[in-house]
Protein backbone atom coordinates (compact mmCIF):
# COMPACT_ATOMS: atom_id res chain seq x y z
CA PHE A 1 125.70 87.96 132.75
CA TYR A 2 128.23 85.12 132.43
CA PHE A 3 128.14 85.27 128.63
CA PHE A 4 128.94 88.98 128.56
CA PHE A 5 131.64 88.56 131.22
CA PHE A 6 133.29 85.85 129.10
CA PHE A 7 132.90 87.95 125.97
CA PHE A 8 134.68 91.00 127.39
CA GLN A 9 137.34 88.86 129.03
CA ALA A 10 138.00 87.14 125.68
CA GLU A 11 138.22 90.47 123.85
CA ASP A 12 140.60 91.85 126.49
CA GLY A 13 142.73 88.70 126.36
CA ILE A 14 143.15 88.87 122.61
CA ARG A 15 143.86 92.59 122.76
CA ASP A 16 146.57 92.01 125.39
CA ALA A 17 148.10 89.19 123.33
CA GLN A 18 148.17 91.29 120.17
CA GLU A 19 149.62 94.29 121.95
CA SER A 20 152.37 92.08 123.41
CA ARG A 21 153.28 91.12 119.82
CA GLY A 22 153.30 94.74 118.74
CA LEU A 23 149.94 94.46 116.93
CA GLY A 24 147.99 96.80 119.20
CA ASP A 25 147.62 99.56 116.62
CA VAL A 26 146.39 97.11 114.01
CA TYR A 27 143.79 95.77 116.42
CA LYS A 28 142.62 99.24 117.38
CA ARG A 29 142.07 100.11 113.73
CA GLN A 30 139.82 97.10 113.17
CA GLY A 31 136.12 97.88 113.14
CA ASN A 32 133.18 95.58 113.56
CA ASN A 33 132.01 93.39 110.70
CA ILE A 34 128.64 94.09 109.13
CA THR A 35 126.73 91.39 107.25
CA LEU A 36 123.87 92.57 105.04
CA THR A 37 120.77 90.60 104.09
CA LEU A 38 121.28 91.33 100.38
CA ASP A 39 121.83 88.54 97.86
CA SER A 40 124.70 89.76 95.65
CA ASP A 41 123.81 87.47 92.73
CA ILE A 42 120.22 88.72 92.58
CA CYS A 43 121.33 92.35 92.95
CA THR A 44 123.85 91.91 90.12
CA SER A 45 121.23 90.36 87.84
CA VAL A 46 118.72 93.15 88.56
CA ALA A 47 121.35 95.86 88.02
CA LYS A 48 122.14 94.37 84.61
CA SER A 49 118.44 94.26 83.74
CA LEU A 50 117.98 97.93 84.64
CA GLY A 51 120.96 98.78 82.43
CA ASP A 52 121.11 102.49 81.59
CA HIS A 53 117.61 103.19 82.90
CA LYS A 54 117.20 105.40 85.95
CA GLY A 55 115.21 103.53 88.57
CA THR A 56 115.17 101.18 91.52
CA ALA A 57 114.12 97.64 92.36
CA VAL A 58 113.37 96.19 95.79
CA MET A 59 112.64 92.63 96.90
CA TYR A 60 112.20 91.54 100.49
CA ASN A 61 110.89 88.58 102.46
CA TYR A 62 107.54 89.89 103.71
CA LYS A 63 107.40 87.29 106.49
CA THR A 64 110.90 87.83 107.97
CA GLY A 65 111.69 91.37 106.77
CA GLU A 66 115.03 90.50 105.13
CA ILE A 67 115.79 92.73 102.13
CA ILE A 68 117.03 90.36 99.42
CA CYS A 69 117.56 92.91 96.68
CA MET A 70 117.88 96.70 96.65
CA VAL A 71 119.29 98.21 93.48
CA SER A 72 119.36 101.86 92.44
CA THR A 73 120.54 103.08 89.05
CA PRO A 74 122.66 104.77 87.90
CA ASN A 75 125.25 103.51 90.37
CA TYR A 76 129.03 103.46 90.63
CA ASP A 77 132.04 101.52 91.87
CA PRO A 78 132.78 102.77 95.44
CA SER A 79 136.49 102.16 94.83
CA ASN A 80 136.37 104.50 91.83
CA PRO A 81 133.64 107.14 92.39
CA PRO A 82 132.87 109.33 89.38
CA ASN A 83 133.68 113.03 89.30
CA ILE A 84 130.30 114.51 88.44
CA LYS A 85 131.26 118.15 88.82
CA GLY A 86 130.44 119.96 85.62
CA ASP A 87 128.82 116.91 83.99
CA THR A 88 126.19 117.95 81.45
CA THR A 89 125.39 114.54 79.93
CA GLY A 90 122.88 113.53 82.62
CA LYS A 91 124.59 110.14 82.83
CA TYR A 92 125.27 110.54 86.53
CA ASP A 93 121.98 112.12 87.60
CA GLY A 94 121.19 110.67 91.02
CA VAL A 95 124.29 108.45 91.03
CA TYR A 96 124.92 109.16 94.73
CA LEU A 97 121.24 108.69 95.61
CA ASN A 98 119.63 105.47 96.78
CA ARG A 99 116.32 105.78 94.94
CA ALA A 100 114.70 102.98 96.96
CA LEU A 101 115.13 104.88 100.22
CA SER A 102 115.61 108.53 99.37
CA THR A 103 113.17 109.35 96.58
CA SER A 104 109.41 109.73 96.28
CA ILE A 105 107.92 109.36 92.80
CA THR A 106 104.54 109.52 91.09
CA PRO A 107 102.97 106.16 92.00
CA GLY A 108 100.50 105.67 89.17
CA SER A 109 98.04 102.81 89.42
CA VAL A 110 99.45 101.22 92.59
CA PHE A 111 97.77 104.12 94.44
CA LYS A 112 94.42 102.59 93.47
CA ILE A 113 94.95 100.31 96.48
CA VAL A 114 94.38 103.38 98.68
CA THR A 115 91.28 104.49 96.74
CA CYS A 116 89.99 100.91 96.82
CA ALA A 117 90.37 100.73 100.61
CA ALA A 118 88.60 104.07 101.11
CA ALA A 119 85.71 102.99 98.86
CA ILE A 120 85.23 99.72 100.79
CA ASP A 121 85.11 101.61 104.10
CA GLU A 122 83.06 104.62 103.03
CA ILE A 123 80.67 103.72 100.18
CA PRO A 124 77.72 101.44 101.03
CA GLY A 125 76.92 98.77 98.42
CA ILE A 126 80.21 99.35 96.61
CA TYR A 127 80.39 95.73 95.41
CA GLU A 128 77.09 96.11 93.53
CA ARG A 129 77.97 99.39 91.84
CA LYS A 130 78.36 99.63 88.07
CA PHE A 131 80.44 102.18 86.19
CA ARG A 132 80.75 103.16 82.53
CA CYS A 133 84.22 103.37 80.99
CA ASN A 134 84.35 104.79 77.46
CA GLY A 135 88.09 105.40 77.61
CA GLU A 136 87.78 108.99 78.78
CA LEU A 137 85.74 111.24 81.03
CA ASP A 138 85.35 115.02 80.85
CA VAL A 139 85.04 116.74 84.23
CA SER A 140 84.47 120.48 83.80
CA GLY A 141 87.17 120.69 81.16
CA ASP A 142 89.58 118.26 82.81
CA LYS A 143 89.91 115.13 80.68
CA LEU A 144 90.49 111.85 82.52
CA THR A 145 91.59 108.94 80.36
CA CYS A 146 91.85 105.15 80.58
CA LEU A 147 94.05 102.90 78.46
CA SER A 148 91.03 100.72 77.56
CA LYS A 149 87.30 101.09 76.90
CA HIS A 150 85.86 98.66 79.44
CA GLY A 151 82.21 99.56 78.93
CA SER A 152 79.97 98.59 81.84
CA ILE A 153 82.25 97.49 84.66
CA GLY A 154 81.84 96.70 88.35
CA PHE A 155 84.03 97.64 91.31
CA VAL A 156 85.87 94.32 91.64
CA GLU A 157 86.46 94.02 87.89
CA GLY A 158 87.53 97.67 87.82
CA MET A 159 90.25 96.86 90.34
CA SER A 160 91.37 93.67 88.63
CA LYS A 161 91.60 95.50 85.27
CA SER A 162 92.99 98.71 86.77
CA CYS A 163 90.31 100.91 85.18
CA ASN A 164 91.19 104.60 85.53
CA ILE A 165 87.62 105.79 85.07
CA VAL A 166 86.29 103.63 87.92
CA PHE A 167 88.86 104.91 90.38
CA ALA A 168 88.68 108.51 89.22
CA GLU A 169 84.92 108.48 89.81
CA LEU A 170 85.41 106.84 93.20
CA ALA A 171 87.97 109.47 94.21
CA MET A 172 85.61 112.30 93.23
CA GLU A 173 82.75 110.66 95.13
CA LEU A 174 84.85 110.05 98.25
CA GLY A 175 86.33 113.55 98.39
CA GLN A 176 89.78 114.62 99.51
CA GLU A 177 89.14 114.29 103.27
CA LYS A 178 88.24 110.59 103.14
CA LEU A 179 91.02 109.83 100.66
CA THR A 180 93.56 111.67 102.80
CA LYS A 181 92.38 109.81 105.90
CA LYS A 182 92.85 106.45 104.19
CA ALA A 183 96.21 107.44 102.70
CA ASN A 184 97.40 108.43 106.18
CA GLU A 185 96.26 105.06 107.54
CA MET A 186 98.47 103.36 104.97
CA GLY A 187 101.59 105.34 105.82
CA PHE A 188 101.39 108.44 103.62
CA ASN A 189 102.40 111.80 105.10
CA LYS A 190 104.27 110.00 107.90
CA ASP A 191 107.90 109.24 108.73
CA ILE A 192 108.92 105.61 108.17
CA PHE A 193 112.32 104.27 109.22
CA LEU A 194 114.39 101.33 107.98
CA ASP A 195 117.34 100.38 110.22
CA ASN A 196 117.25 103.95 111.60
CA ILE A 197 117.30 105.36 108.05
CA LYS A 198 114.45 107.77 107.45
CA LEU A 199 112.70 107.03 104.17
CA SER A 200 111.71 109.80 101.83
CA GLN A 201 108.11 110.52 102.77
CA SER A 202 105.18 109.37 100.64
CA HIS A 203 102.76 112.23 100.11
CA TYR A 204 99.05 112.64 99.40
CA GLU A 205 97.39 116.04 99.44
CA ALA A 206 94.44 117.23 97.36
CA GLN A 207 92.93 119.98 99.49
CA ASP A 208 92.98 122.58 96.71
CA ALA A 209 92.37 120.18 93.82
CA ARG A 210 89.66 120.78 91.25
CA ARG A 211 87.16 117.95 90.90
CA GLY A 212 88.96 116.51 87.86
CA GLU A 213 92.31 116.79 89.60
CA LEU A 214 90.85 114.92 92.56
CA GLY A 215 89.91 112.16 90.11
CA TRP A 216 93.50 112.01 88.86
CA SER A 217 94.75 111.85 92.45
CA GLY A 218 92.68 108.69 93.01
CA ILE A 219 94.63 106.90 90.27
CA GLY A 220 98.06 107.92 91.50
CA GLN A 221 98.60 111.13 89.51
CA TYR A 222 98.11 114.84 90.37
CA LYS A 223 100.54 115.59 93.25
CA ASP A 224 100.73 112.01 94.61
CA LEU A 225 104.20 110.82 95.65
CA LEU A 226 105.24 107.37 96.86
CA ASN A 227 108.52 106.03 98.23
CA PRO A 228 109.48 102.69 96.58
CA MET A 229 110.39 100.99 99.88
CA HIS A 230 107.10 102.16 101.40
CA MET A 231 105.29 100.53 98.46
CA ALA A 232 107.20 97.31 99.12
CA ILE A 233 106.01 97.38 102.74
CA ILE A 234 102.39 97.89 101.64
CA SER A 235 102.72 95.01 99.16
CA GLY A 236 104.27 92.83 101.87
CA ALA A 237 101.38 93.56 104.22
CA ILE A 238 98.91 92.58 101.49
CA ALA A 239 100.73 89.27 100.95
CA ASN A 240 101.05 88.67 104.71
CA LYS A 241 97.30 88.76 105.46
CA GLY A 242 97.34 92.45 106.35
CA VAL A 243 100.28 92.26 108.76
CA PRO A 244 103.20 94.58 107.85
CA ILE A 245 106.68 93.30 108.73
CA MET A 246 109.21 96.09 108.51
CA PRO A 247 112.19 95.34 106.22
CA TYR A 248 115.75 95.41 107.49
CA LEU A 249 119.12 95.54 105.74
CA VAL A 250 121.71 94.76 108.42
CA GLY A 251 121.68 91.02 109.05
CA LYS A 252 124.17 91.15 111.90
CA VAL A 253 127.06 93.07 113.39
CA SER A 254 129.99 91.06 114.76
CA SER A 255 133.26 91.90 116.48
CA PRO A 256 136.65 91.53 114.71
CA ILE A 257 137.05 88.07 116.28
CA GLY A 258 133.59 86.86 115.28
CA PHE A 259 131.34 87.47 118.29
CA ASP A 260 127.83 88.52 117.26
CA LEU A 261 127.07 91.94 118.74
CA GLU A 262 123.74 92.62 117.09
CA GLN A 263 121.27 90.54 115.10
CA GLY A 264 118.87 92.07 112.60
CA TYR A 265 115.22 91.07 112.53
CA GLY A 266 111.94 92.16 111.02
CA LYS A 267 109.83 94.14 113.44
CA LEU A 268 106.05 94.09 113.37
CA GLY A 269 104.95 97.28 111.67
CA ASN A 270 102.75 99.72 113.49
CA LEU A 271 99.24 98.80 112.35
CA SER A 272 98.18 102.42 112.78
CA LEU A 273 101.02 103.37 110.43
CA ILE A 274 100.19 100.87 107.67
CA HIS A 275 96.74 99.31 107.88
CA ILE A 276 95.44 96.95 105.19
CA SER A 277 91.91 95.57 105.58
CA GLU A 278 91.09 92.04 104.40
CA PRO A 279 88.75 93.11 101.53
CA THR A 280 91.41 95.54 100.27
CA ARG A 281 94.05 92.83 100.51
CA LEU A 282 92.04 90.37 98.41
CA LEU A 283 91.23 92.94 95.71
CA SER A 284 94.87 94.03 95.59
CA ILE A 285 95.91 90.43 94.98
CA SER A 286 93.49 90.23 92.05
CA TYR A 287 95.08 93.39 90.65
CA ALA A 288 98.55 91.88 91.05
CA VAL A 289 97.45 88.74 89.17
CA PHE A 290 96.11 90.94 86.36
CA CYS A 291 99.47 92.77 86.12
CA LEU A 292 101.38 89.48 86.02
CA LYS A 293 99.17 88.19 83.21
CA LYS A 294 99.80 91.35 81.19
CA LYS A 295 103.53 90.98 81.80
CA LYS A 296 103.50 87.37 80.54
CA LYS A 297 101.65 88.42 77.37
CA LYS A 298 104.28 91.09 76.64
CA ILE A 299 107.08 88.60 77.16
CA LYS A 300 105.47 86.15 74.72
């Protein structure tokens, strides 16, 4: 009580003093100061790396929730916004859109985390199962393909090597109801908010899919859609032992004279909104290690 009393008295005192000097209008025009969690140097570096590509990159502290980097391209200088009316070059497509928050895109192989989790929960003896990957699989005329021919391959190895055939077969075996249930548990088909901003919804639906299409849905194709920030939250939960910490962008809000009015913090995510089991978490980490190794090889 005393703190707030002092705070309002201080604000009133400064306002009175400024008005007595004829600065009242200036004071009234001043808004609060907002400090973001973003690191400008990292954001600048990432924006340069994305160059002319259309895309987005997100990095956040999965233990505290602070968003360190959020870049969407193409972008523009707010002091000199482009006039995109009548533009036919495509250069400015999505320039006024924050792709990290307001788009949902085909996820690809990261959706295998969902299929993996469903298989662990629903298929007995999944860790002993063997699959055959010859690089492609014909399902009633629908051709499912993999980038490699893995031969005989188990469930864990199939995850670590991101084998399309393994996860297509798992999706077809699980069926759309069990896959949809697991996708919903991990935040698909639900509204997720970041600092009161509603994210574009991630979507999974395969009710009318043919069997082959259901296989494609299990590897992140078909009609699957995923919001990039939602994927960051899932990844953060995996790294944080299954506990999702919701990201935030506004570090603090302070008054014109420097009093902190609001402090940002990472809230514990609703475990019914995004649930990651321990076996799924460990297999997802092995997949991440595999992706990093492939990245290093390409760089070399």
